[in-house]
Every structure is written in structure tokens, then in C-alpha cells.
Amino acid sequence: MKNDKPEIIDCSDNGGYDEEFLDFYSAIVNRTKLKSPFLEGYKDMKVILAALTSASTKKVVHLK
């Protein structure tokens, strides 16, 4: 936030999440290895869930 106003961030390129999901899907369907380690996906999910919580509660959510 800047000056107590929400900052708008352009995420129109999806930040690679589409590719990450497709890789995960492909690994399940084709029984292949993931390109990214599981821990990276877990960290991404924590950020996404925190963002959703923040949006629904209108409060800052701190990650640990």
C-alpha cells in the first residue's frame, strides 16, 4: 500500500502460474517429473491463500 491506498499490480501475464498448473497436471496424467520442486508450489499456494484471505477480510495477512 502507498499512502494508505491500495497499490494496483498488473498480473496479466499470470506470473507463470498457468504454466506451473499445466506442468502439475501433465505430471499426474503422464506420470512425469515436475519441472518445479514441490516446495516451490507449496510456497506459491501459501501466497495465493493469503491473498484470498486478505481480499475477503480486507486485512493484511502476514506470511511466516
Protein backbone atom coordinates (compact mmCIF):
# COMPACT_ATOMS: atom_id res chain seq x y z
CA MET A 1 0.00 0.00 0.00
CA LYS A 2 1.13 3.51 -0.75
CA ASN A 3 -0.19 6.44 1.28
CA ASP A 4 -2.91 4.19 2.74
CA LYS A 5 -4.22 3.48 -0.75
CA PRO A 6 -4.12 0.01 -2.32
CA GLU A 7 -1.45 -0.47 -4.93
CA ILE A 8 -2.63 -1.99 -8.20
CA ILE A 9 -0.24 -4.59 -9.58
CA ASP A 10 -0.50 -5.77 -13.18
CA CYS A 11 -0.70 -9.58 -13.16
CA SER A 12 -1.96 -10.00 -16.68
CA ASP A 13 0.81 -12.48 -17.53
CA ASN A 14 -0.37 -14.77 -14.68
CA GLY A 15 3.15 -14.78 -13.26
CA GLY A 16 3.77 -18.25 -14.65
CA TYR A 17 1.00 -19.89 -12.63
CA ASP A 18 -0.73 -21.21 -15.74
CA GLU A 19 2.44 -22.99 -16.81
CA GLU A 20 3.02 -24.32 -13.30
CA PHE A 21 -0.50 -25.74 -13.14
CA LEU A 22 -0.21 -27.30 -16.61
CA ASP A 23 3.11 -28.88 -15.61
CA PHE A 24 1.48 -30.29 -12.46
CA TYR A 25 -1.45 -31.63 -14.48
CA SER A 26 0.88 -33.15 -17.05
CA ALA A 27 2.95 -34.83 -14.33
CA ILE A 28 -0.19 -36.52 -12.98
CA VAL A 29 -1.64 -37.54 -16.33
CA ASN A 30 1.62 -38.57 -18.00
CA ARG A 31 3.40 -39.78 -14.83
CA THR A 32 6.36 -37.49 -15.44
CA LYS A 33 8.50 -35.45 -13.07
CA LEU A 34 7.59 -31.89 -12.18
CA LYS A 35 9.73 -29.08 -13.54
CA SER A 36 9.49 -27.20 -10.23
CA PRO A 37 10.09 -28.75 -6.83
CA PHE A 38 7.07 -29.41 -4.62
CA LEU A 39 8.27 -26.87 -2.04
CA GLU A 40 8.07 -24.05 -4.60
CA GLY A 41 4.46 -24.94 -5.38
CA TYR A 42 3.70 -25.07 -1.66
CA LYS A 43 5.16 -21.58 -1.16
CA ASP A 44 3.10 -20.29 -4.10
CA MET A 45 -0.06 -21.79 -2.62
CA LYS A 46 0.62 -20.09 0.73
CA VAL A 47 0.84 -16.73 -1.07
CA ILE A 48 -2.35 -17.36 -3.04
CA LEU A 49 -4.31 -18.42 0.05
CA ALA A 50 -3.02 -15.39 1.99
CA ALA A 51 -4.09 -13.12 -0.86
CA LEU A 52 -7.58 -14.64 -0.90
CA THR A 53 -7.85 -14.31 2.87
CA SER A 54 -6.69 -10.71 2.71
CA ALA A 55 -9.21 -9.91 -0.02
CA SER A 56 -12.10 -11.46 1.86
CA THR A 57 -11.24 -9.94 5.26
CA LYS A 58 -9.86 -6.66 3.90
CA LYS A 59 -6.90 -7.06 6.27
CA VAL A 60 -3.19 -7.51 5.76
CA VAL A 61 -2.13 -11.15 6.07
CA HIS A 62 1.46 -11.76 7.12
CA LEU A 63 3.28 -14.83 5.84
CA LYS A 64 5.60 -16.81 8.09
